[in-house]
Amino acid sequence: MNSSISLPDILQQVARIQSMERGKLSVIKQSATGAFYKLQAHENGRNHTRYIPREQVPAIQQAIEGYKQFQTLTGQYAEEVITQTRAAIAAGSKKKPSPRKSSSPRNRKSSNS
């Protein structure tokens, strides 16, 4: 984790991502006219395949990179929050809790009454 990046900076970088797409783009066939592409992604517990027209390939590649960047940034965000949480918990556990003292003495009632 790069500790020089603050949580607000990470969130700003996430907000700047303009497009995202999950999956892997693959060439399924080469022909004299060019390549044919498919996008495979695991969604809702199932593998989905979409065929991608050649003219959409650059936009899909950019969207896949956007999603990878999103995953990296959210991983960094989670690590930073986890580090801060652990530090806060550790700092809190160093303080010894004082035993609670009641201002009034307890009087137990007898069950023989």
N, C-alpha and C. Protein backbone atom coordinates (compact mmCIF):
# COMPACT_ATOMS: atom_id res chain seq x y z
N MET A 1 0.84 -1.19 0.00
CA MET A 1 0.00 0.00 0.00
C MET A 1 0.87 1.23 0.00
N ASN A 2 0.57 2.14 -0.85
CA ASN A 2 1.29 3.40 -0.90
C ASN A 2 0.67 4.32 0.15
N SER A 3 1.38 4.52 1.25
CA SER A 3 0.81 5.28 2.36
C SER A 3 0.76 6.78 2.09
N SER A 4 1.33 7.25 0.98
CA SER A 4 1.29 8.67 0.68
C SER A 4 -0.03 9.10 0.07
N ILE A 5 -0.88 8.15 -0.31
CA ILE A 5 -2.18 8.47 -0.90
C ILE A 5 -3.22 8.47 0.22
N SER A 6 -3.96 9.57 0.34
CA SER A 6 -4.97 9.66 1.39
C SER A 6 -6.29 9.06 0.90
N LEU A 7 -7.17 8.77 1.84
CA LEU A 7 -8.46 8.21 1.48
C LEU A 7 -9.25 9.11 0.53
N PRO A 8 -9.31 10.43 0.78
CA PRO A 8 -10.02 11.28 -0.18
C PRO A 8 -9.39 11.26 -1.58
N ASP A 9 -8.05 11.16 -1.64
CA ASP A 9 -7.38 11.08 -2.95
C ASP A 9 -7.80 9.82 -3.70
N ILE A 10 -7.88 8.72 -2.98
CA ILE A 10 -8.30 7.45 -3.60
C ILE A 10 -9.72 7.58 -4.13
N LEU A 11 -10.60 8.16 -3.31
CA LEU A 11 -11.99 8.32 -3.75
C LEU A 11 -12.10 9.24 -4.96
N GLN A 12 -11.28 10.28 -5.02
CA GLN A 12 -11.29 11.16 -6.19
C GLN A 12 -10.83 10.42 -7.44
N GLN A 13 -9.81 9.57 -7.30
CA GLN A 13 -9.34 8.79 -8.44
C GLN A 13 -10.42 7.82 -8.91
N VAL A 14 -11.13 7.20 -7.98
CA VAL A 14 -12.23 6.30 -8.35
C VAL A 14 -13.30 7.07 -9.11
N ALA A 15 -13.63 8.26 -8.64
CA ALA A 15 -14.68 9.07 -9.27
C ALA A 15 -14.30 9.48 -10.69
N ARG A 16 -13.01 9.56 -11.00
CA ARG A 16 -12.57 9.96 -12.34
C ARG A 16 -12.65 8.82 -13.37
N ILE A 17 -12.87 7.61 -12.93
CA ILE A 17 -12.98 6.49 -13.88
C ILE A 17 -14.29 6.64 -14.65
N GLN A 18 -14.19 6.77 -15.96
CA GLN A 18 -15.35 7.06 -16.79
C GLN A 18 -16.09 5.82 -17.30
N SER A 19 -15.35 4.72 -17.47
CA SER A 19 -16.02 3.51 -17.99
C SER A 19 -15.39 2.28 -17.35
N MET A 20 -16.23 1.28 -17.15
CA MET A 20 -15.77 0.02 -16.56
C MET A 20 -16.50 -1.14 -17.22
N GLU A 21 -15.76 -2.22 -17.35
CA GLU A 21 -16.33 -3.47 -17.86
C GLU A 21 -15.56 -4.61 -17.24
N ARG A 22 -16.27 -5.62 -16.77
CA ARG A 22 -15.63 -6.81 -16.23
C ARG A 22 -15.33 -7.77 -17.38
N GLY A 23 -14.32 -8.60 -17.17
CA GLY A 23 -14.11 -9.70 -18.09
C GLY A 23 -12.79 -9.67 -18.83
N LYS A 24 -12.70 -10.61 -19.75
CA LYS A 24 -11.50 -10.77 -20.56
C LYS A 24 -11.91 -10.74 -22.02
N LEU A 25 -11.22 -9.91 -22.79
CA LEU A 25 -11.47 -9.78 -24.21
C LEU A 25 -10.53 -10.71 -24.96
N SER A 26 -11.08 -11.55 -25.83
CA SER A 26 -10.27 -12.53 -26.55
C SER A 26 -10.63 -12.52 -28.03
N VAL A 27 -9.64 -12.87 -28.84
CA VAL A 27 -9.87 -13.08 -30.27
C VAL A 27 -10.36 -14.51 -30.41
N ILE A 28 -11.52 -14.69 -31.04
CA ILE A 28 -12.02 -16.05 -31.22
C ILE A 28 -11.73 -16.59 -32.62
N LYS A 29 -11.47 -15.68 -33.55
CA LYS A 29 -11.23 -16.14 -34.92
C LYS A 29 -10.59 -15.03 -35.72
N GLN A 30 -9.65 -15.40 -36.57
CA GLN A 30 -9.04 -14.46 -37.51
C GLN A 30 -9.56 -14.81 -38.90
N SER A 31 -9.90 -13.77 -39.65
CA SER A 31 -10.31 -14.01 -41.03
C SER A 31 -9.63 -12.97 -41.91
N ALA A 32 -9.89 -13.06 -43.19
CA ALA A 32 -9.30 -12.11 -44.13
C ALA A 32 -9.80 -10.69 -43.86
N THR A 33 -10.99 -10.58 -43.28
CA THR A 33 -11.55 -9.27 -43.01
C THR A 33 -11.14 -8.73 -41.64
N GLY A 34 -10.56 -9.56 -40.81
CA GLY A 34 -10.12 -9.12 -39.49
C GLY A 34 -10.49 -10.12 -38.41
N ALA A 35 -10.25 -9.72 -37.17
CA ALA A 35 -10.49 -10.61 -36.04
C ALA A 35 -11.93 -10.49 -35.54
N PHE A 36 -12.39 -11.57 -34.92
CA PHE A 36 -13.68 -11.59 -34.25
C PHE A 36 -13.39 -11.72 -32.75
N TYR A 37 -14.12 -10.96 -31.93
CA TYR A 37 -13.81 -10.86 -30.50
C TYR A 37 -14.99 -11.32 -29.65
N LYS A 38 -14.63 -11.80 -28.45
CA LYS A 38 -15.64 -12.10 -27.45
C LYS A 38 -15.16 -11.56 -26.10
N LEU A 39 -16.11 -11.22 -25.27
CA LEU A 39 -15.85 -10.76 -23.92
C LEU A 39 -16.48 -11.78 -22.98
N GLN A 40 -15.65 -12.36 -22.12
CA GLN A 40 -16.14 -13.33 -21.14
C GLN A 40 -16.04 -12.73 -19.76
N ALA A 41 -17.12 -12.88 -18.99
CA ALA A 41 -17.14 -12.35 -17.63
C ALA A 41 -17.97 -13.28 -16.75
N HIS A 42 -17.55 -13.39 -15.51
CA HIS A 42 -18.27 -14.17 -14.52
C HIS A 42 -19.19 -13.22 -13.76
N GLU A 43 -20.49 -13.40 -13.90
CA GLU A 43 -21.47 -12.52 -13.25
C GLU A 43 -22.58 -13.36 -12.65
N ASN A 44 -22.94 -13.03 -11.43
CA ASN A 44 -24.03 -13.72 -10.73
C ASN A 44 -23.84 -15.24 -10.72
N GLY A 45 -22.60 -15.66 -10.52
CA GLY A 45 -22.31 -17.08 -10.42
C GLY A 45 -22.25 -17.83 -11.74
N ARG A 46 -22.34 -17.13 -12.85
CA ARG A 46 -22.32 -17.79 -14.16
C ARG A 46 -21.35 -17.09 -15.08
N ASN A 47 -20.82 -17.83 -16.04
CA ASN A 47 -19.94 -17.28 -17.05
C ASN A 47 -20.80 -16.77 -18.21
N HIS A 48 -20.61 -15.51 -18.56
CA HIS A 48 -21.35 -14.91 -19.68
C HIS A 48 -20.37 -14.54 -20.79
N THR A 49 -20.78 -14.79 -22.02
CA THR A 49 -19.97 -14.45 -23.19
C THR A 49 -20.76 -13.51 -24.08
N ARG A 50 -20.11 -12.43 -24.48
CA ARG A 50 -20.70 -11.49 -25.43
C ARG A 50 -19.76 -11.36 -26.61
N TYR A 51 -20.30 -11.33 -27.78
CA TYR A 51 -19.50 -11.10 -28.97
C TYR A 51 -19.40 -9.59 -29.18
N ILE A 52 -18.20 -9.13 -29.46
CA ILE A 52 -17.92 -7.71 -29.54
C ILE A 52 -17.57 -7.32 -30.98
N PRO A 53 -18.29 -6.36 -31.55
CA PRO A 53 -17.93 -5.88 -32.90
C PRO A 53 -16.55 -5.22 -32.88
N ARG A 54 -15.83 -5.33 -33.95
CA ARG A 54 -14.45 -4.79 -34.05
C ARG A 54 -14.39 -3.31 -33.66
N GLU A 55 -15.37 -2.54 -34.08
CA GLU A 55 -15.32 -1.10 -33.82
C GLU A 55 -15.50 -0.76 -32.33
N GLN A 56 -16.00 -1.72 -31.55
CA GLN A 56 -16.17 -1.49 -30.11
C GLN A 56 -14.97 -1.96 -29.28
N VAL A 57 -14.04 -2.66 -29.89
CA VAL A 57 -12.91 -3.24 -29.15
C VAL A 57 -12.10 -2.19 -28.38
N PRO A 58 -11.71 -1.06 -28.97
CA PRO A 58 -10.94 -0.08 -28.18
C PRO A 58 -11.70 0.41 -26.95
N ALA A 59 -13.00 0.66 -27.09
CA ALA A 59 -13.79 1.14 -25.95
C ALA A 59 -13.90 0.05 -24.88
N ILE A 60 -14.05 -1.19 -25.29
CA ILE A 60 -14.12 -2.31 -24.33
C ILE A 60 -12.79 -2.47 -23.61
N GLN A 61 -11.68 -2.37 -24.36
CA GLN A 61 -10.36 -2.48 -23.72
C GLN A 61 -10.16 -1.37 -22.69
N GLN A 62 -10.58 -0.17 -23.01
CA GLN A 62 -10.46 0.96 -22.08
C GLN A 62 -11.35 0.72 -20.85
N ALA A 63 -12.55 0.19 -21.06
CA ALA A 63 -13.46 -0.08 -19.94
C ALA A 63 -12.90 -1.18 -19.03
N ILE A 64 -12.27 -2.19 -19.62
CA ILE A 64 -11.66 -3.25 -18.82
C ILE A 64 -10.53 -2.67 -17.97
N GLU A 65 -9.73 -1.79 -18.56
CA GLU A 65 -8.65 -1.13 -17.81
C GLU A 65 -9.24 -0.27 -16.69
N GLY A 66 -10.36 0.38 -16.95
CA GLY A 66 -11.04 1.18 -15.93
C GLY A 66 -11.47 0.32 -14.75
N TYR A 67 -11.97 -0.87 -15.04
CA TYR A 67 -12.40 -1.77 -13.97
C TYR A 67 -11.20 -2.27 -13.17
N LYS A 68 -10.10 -2.57 -13.86
CA LYS A 68 -8.88 -3.00 -13.15
C LYS A 68 -8.37 -1.90 -12.23
N GLN A 69 -8.41 -0.66 -12.71
CA GLN A 69 -7.98 0.48 -11.90
C GLN A 69 -8.91 0.63 -10.70
N PHE A 70 -10.21 0.46 -10.92
CA PHE A 70 -11.19 0.53 -9.84
C PHE A 70 -10.88 -0.52 -8.76
N GLN A 71 -10.59 -1.74 -9.18
CA GLN A 71 -10.28 -2.80 -8.22
C GLN A 71 -9.02 -2.48 -7.44
N THR A 72 -8.01 -1.97 -8.11
CA THR A 72 -6.76 -1.61 -7.44
C THR A 72 -7.00 -0.52 -6.40
N LEU A 73 -7.71 0.52 -6.81
CA LEU A 73 -7.96 1.65 -5.91
C LEU A 73 -8.83 1.25 -4.71
N THR A 74 -9.88 0.47 -4.95
CA THR A 74 -10.72 0.06 -3.83
C THR A 74 -9.98 -0.90 -2.91
N GLY A 75 -9.06 -1.68 -3.45
CA GLY A 75 -8.21 -2.52 -2.60
C GLY A 75 -7.32 -1.67 -1.73
N GLN A 76 -6.74 -0.60 -2.30
CA GLN A 76 -5.91 0.32 -1.53
C GLN A 76 -6.74 1.01 -0.45
N TYR A 77 -7.95 1.42 -0.81
CA TYR A 77 -8.83 2.08 0.15
C TYR A 77 -9.13 1.14 1.32
N ALA A 78 -9.48 -0.10 1.00
CA ALA A 78 -9.79 -1.07 2.04
C ALA A 78 -8.58 -1.31 2.94
N GLU A 79 -7.40 -1.46 2.37
CA GLU A 79 -6.19 -1.68 3.17
C GLU A 79 -5.91 -0.51 4.11
N GLU A 80 -6.11 0.71 3.62
CA GLU A 80 -5.87 1.89 4.44
C GLU A 80 -6.87 1.95 5.60
N VAL A 81 -8.15 1.69 5.30
CA VAL A 81 -9.17 1.71 6.35
C VAL A 81 -8.91 0.60 7.37
N ILE A 82 -8.50 -0.58 6.91
CA ILE A 82 -8.18 -1.68 7.81
C ILE A 82 -7.01 -1.31 8.71
N THR A 83 -5.98 -0.69 8.13
CA THR A 83 -4.81 -0.26 8.91
C THR A 83 -5.23 0.74 9.98
N GLN A 84 -6.05 1.71 9.59
CA GLN A 84 -6.52 2.71 10.54
C GLN A 84 -7.38 2.09 11.63
N THR A 85 -8.23 1.15 11.25
CA THR A 85 -9.10 0.48 12.22
C THR A 85 -8.28 -0.31 13.22
N ARG A 86 -7.31 -1.05 12.72
CA ARG A 86 -6.46 -1.84 13.63
C ARG A 86 -5.68 -0.93 14.58
N ALA A 87 -5.19 0.19 14.07
CA ALA A 87 -4.45 1.13 14.93
C ALA A 87 -5.37 1.72 16.00
N ALA A 88 -6.59 2.06 15.63
CA ALA A 88 -7.54 2.62 16.59
C ALA A 88 -7.92 1.59 17.65
N ILE A 89 -8.12 0.36 17.24
CA ILE A 89 -8.46 -0.70 18.19
C ILE A 89 -7.28 -0.96 19.13
N ALA A 90 -6.08 -1.00 18.57
CA ALA A 90 -4.88 -1.23 19.39
C ALA A 90 -4.69 -0.08 20.38
N ALA A 91 -4.91 1.15 19.95
CA ALA A 91 -4.77 2.30 20.84
C ALA A 91 -5.82 2.24 21.94
N GLY A 92 -7.01 1.79 21.62
CA GLY A 92 -8.08 1.68 22.60
C GLY A 92 -7.82 0.57 23.61
N SER A 93 -7.16 -0.50 23.19
CA SER A 93 -6.91 -1.62 24.09
C SER A 93 -5.76 -1.33 25.04
N LYS A 94 -4.95 -0.32 24.75
CA LYS A 94 -3.84 0.04 25.63
C LYS A 94 -4.35 0.75 26.88
N LYS A 95 -5.51 1.35 26.78
CA LYS A 95 -6.10 2.01 27.93
C LYS A 95 -6.73 0.94 28.81
N LYS A 96 -6.35 0.93 30.07
CA LYS A 96 -6.92 -0.05 30.98
C LYS A 96 -8.24 0.49 31.50
N PRO A 97 -9.30 -0.26 31.33
CA PRO A 97 -10.58 0.22 31.82
C PRO A 97 -10.60 0.22 33.35
N SER A 98 -11.08 1.31 33.92
CA SER A 98 -11.17 1.36 35.37
C SER A 98 -12.41 0.61 35.80
N PRO A 99 -12.32 -0.10 36.92
CA PRO A 99 -13.51 -0.84 37.37
C PRO A 99 -14.61 0.14 37.74
N ARG A 100 -15.80 -0.20 37.40
CA ARG A 100 -16.94 0.67 37.70
C ARG A 100 -17.27 0.56 39.17
N LYS A 101 -17.40 1.69 39.80
CA LYS A 101 -17.77 1.73 41.20
C LYS A 101 -19.11 2.43 41.32
N SER A 102 -19.98 1.77 42.00
CA SER A 102 -21.31 2.34 42.20
C SER A 102 -21.26 3.32 43.35
N SER A 103 -22.03 4.36 43.25
CA SER A 103 -22.06 5.35 44.32
C SER A 103 -22.94 4.90 45.48
N SER A 104 -23.81 3.95 45.23
CA SER A 104 -24.66 3.46 46.32
C SER A 104 -24.37 1.99 46.55
N PRO A 105 -24.33 1.57 47.83
CA PRO A 105 -24.05 0.15 48.12
C PRO A 105 -25.23 -0.71 47.72
N ARG A 106 -24.92 -1.94 47.33
CA ARG A 106 -25.98 -2.88 46.96
C ARG A 106 -26.53 -3.54 48.22
N ASN A 107 -27.79 -3.59 48.31
CA ASN A 107 -28.45 -4.32 49.38
C ASN A 107 -29.21 -5.46 48.75
N ARG A 108 -28.83 -6.68 49.09
CA ARG A 108 -29.52 -7.83 48.54
C ARG A 108 -30.77 -8.13 49.34
N LYS A 109 -31.78 -8.43 48.63
CA LYS A 109 -33.03 -8.79 49.30
C LYS A 109 -33.00 -10.27 49.61
N SER A 110 -33.46 -10.60 50.73
CA SER A 110 -33.52 -11.99 51.14
C SER A 110 -34.76 -12.61 50.51
N SER A 111 -34.60 -13.86 50.13
CA SER A 111 -35.76 -14.57 49.55
C SER A 111 -36.67 -15.11 50.63
N ASN A 112 -36.29 -14.97 51.90
CA ASN A 112 -37.12 -15.45 53.02
C ASN A 112 -38.18 -14.46 53.41
N SER A 113 -38.25 -13.30 52.86
CA SER A 113 -39.20 -12.28 53.28
C SER A 113 -40.58 -12.59 52.85
